[in-house]
Amino acid sequence: MARSSYVSVWAIESATSPGSVGWWVICGDGPTDYISGEEVMNPREAVRAFAIRWSEVASHMLRAELHPTIELGSPKTWPELGPLLKNRAELLGSCAADDAVWQPAP
């Protein structure tokens, strides 16, 4: 059975450096999240960065450990949210790794 998820990734213009990306935002079938555009140069890198972050947070949740910098849900919801977040991280990672997804439009 194929797994799918729907997300959108948004480049938010920098307030201090107009014309460049200040933040990347992801929303849809997963948590709404953002990362700095300082070291992430394109949407594919942003999707990969979200996948890595979400995988790390899910691992903490599944071990019933607080993540040092990110809070998601309450500890009593982690048994349900952890596997969901892990799944979304895997889907994003697969998407970031798939060259066909990142081909320019004809």
Protein backbone atom coordinates (compact mmCIF):
# COMPACT_ATOMS: atom_id res chain seq x y z
CA MET A 1 0.00 0.00 0.00
CA ALA A 2 1.44 3.37 -1.00
CA ARG A 3 1.80 6.01 1.65
CA SER A 4 1.21 9.63 0.80
CA SER A 5 1.21 12.90 2.60
CA TYR A 6 0.38 16.39 1.46
CA VAL A 7 2.53 19.30 2.50
CA SER A 8 3.50 22.70 1.22
CA VAL A 9 6.87 24.31 1.70
CA TRP A 10 7.05 28.09 1.72
CA ALA A 11 10.06 30.36 1.32
CA ILE A 12 9.62 33.43 3.52
CA GLU A 13 11.60 36.48 2.49
CA SER A 14 14.16 37.76 4.94
CA ALA A 15 13.23 40.99 6.70
CA THR A 16 16.88 41.94 7.06
CA SER A 17 18.05 40.86 3.62
CA PRO A 18 15.27 41.50 1.06
CA GLY A 19 15.38 39.17 -1.92
CA SER A 20 16.76 36.24 0.06
CA VAL A 21 15.04 33.49 2.02
CA GLY A 22 14.88 34.16 5.74
CA TRP A 23 12.81 31.14 6.72
CA TRP A 24 11.40 27.93 5.28
CA VAL A 25 7.95 26.89 6.52
CA ILE A 26 6.22 23.53 6.11
CA CYS A 27 2.53 22.87 6.72
CA GLY A 28 -0.03 20.23 5.80
CA ASP A 29 -0.24 16.58 6.91
CA GLY A 30 2.17 17.03 9.78
CA PRO A 31 3.18 19.71 12.21
CA THR A 32 3.59 23.25 10.98
CA ASP A 33 7.27 23.98 11.41
CA TYR A 34 9.93 26.44 10.33
CA ILE A 35 13.70 26.56 9.92
CA SER A 36 16.14 29.33 9.20
CA GLY A 37 17.01 29.95 5.58
CA GLU A 38 20.52 30.91 6.60
CA GLU A 39 22.00 27.48 5.85
CA VAL A 40 19.17 25.93 3.80
CA MET A 41 19.41 27.16 0.24
CA ASN A 42 16.50 25.52 -1.59
CA PRO A 43 13.19 23.70 -1.05
CA ARG A 44 14.73 20.24 -1.39
CA GLU A 45 17.26 20.99 1.35
CA ALA A 46 14.43 22.37 3.48
CA VAL A 47 12.39 19.17 3.10
CA ARG A 48 15.48 17.13 4.00
CA ALA A 49 16.13 19.32 7.07
CA PHE A 50 12.53 18.93 8.27
CA ALA A 51 12.77 15.15 7.79
CA ILE A 52 15.92 15.00 9.90
CA ARG A 53 14.46 17.24 12.61
CA TRP A 54 11.17 15.34 12.79
CA SER A 55 12.95 11.99 12.92
CA GLU A 56 15.04 13.20 15.85
CA VAL A 57 12.00 14.54 17.71
CA ALA A 58 10.03 11.34 17.03
CA SER A 59 12.91 9.27 18.43
CA HIS A 60 12.79 11.28 21.65
CA MET A 61 9.01 10.90 21.86
CA LEU A 62 9.19 7.13 21.31
CA ARG A 63 11.76 6.85 24.12
CA ALA A 64 9.50 9.04 26.33
CA GLU A 65 12.28 11.62 26.61
CA LEU A 66 11.99 15.38 26.33
CA HIS A 67 13.71 16.83 23.29
CA PRO A 68 16.18 19.52 24.37
CA THR A 69 14.77 22.27 22.13
CA ILE A 70 11.45 21.23 20.59
CA GLU A 71 8.12 20.58 22.29
CA LEU A 72 5.35 18.74 20.47
CA GLY A 73 2.25 17.63 22.29
CA SER A 74 2.34 16.48 25.87
CA PRO A 75 4.12 13.36 27.15
CA LYS A 76 0.79 11.55 27.46
CA THR A 77 0.20 12.00 23.68
CA TRP A 78 3.67 10.83 22.61
CA PRO A 79 2.74 7.14 22.23
CA GLU A 80 0.27 8.23 19.54
CA LEU A 81 2.16 11.19 18.06
CA GLY A 82 5.63 9.63 17.97
CA PRO A 83 4.84 6.99 15.33
CA LEU A 84 2.91 9.54 13.25
CA LEU A 85 5.81 11.97 13.31
CA LYS A 86 8.28 9.19 12.49
CA ASN A 87 6.12 8.23 9.49
CA ARG A 88 5.96 11.83 8.25
CA ALA A 89 9.73 12.17 8.65
CA GLU A 90 10.27 9.02 6.57
CA LEU A 91 7.93 10.30 3.85
CA LEU A 92 9.71 13.65 3.74
CA GLY A 93 13.09 11.92 3.63
CA SER A 94 11.94 9.76 0.71
CA CYS A 95 10.64 12.83 -1.08
CA ALA A 96 13.90 14.72 -0.58
CA ALA A 97 15.88 11.75 -1.90
CA ASP A 98 13.72 11.23 -5.02
CA ASP A 99 15.32 13.06 -7.96
CA ALA A 100 12.11 12.70 -9.99
CA VAL A 101 10.23 14.92 -7.53
CA TRP A 102 12.71 17.74 -8.05
CA GLN A 103 12.78 17.90 -11.84
CA PRO A 104 11.92 21.31 -13.29
CA ALA A 105 8.46 21.66 -14.79
CA PRO A 106 8.40 21.21 -18.60
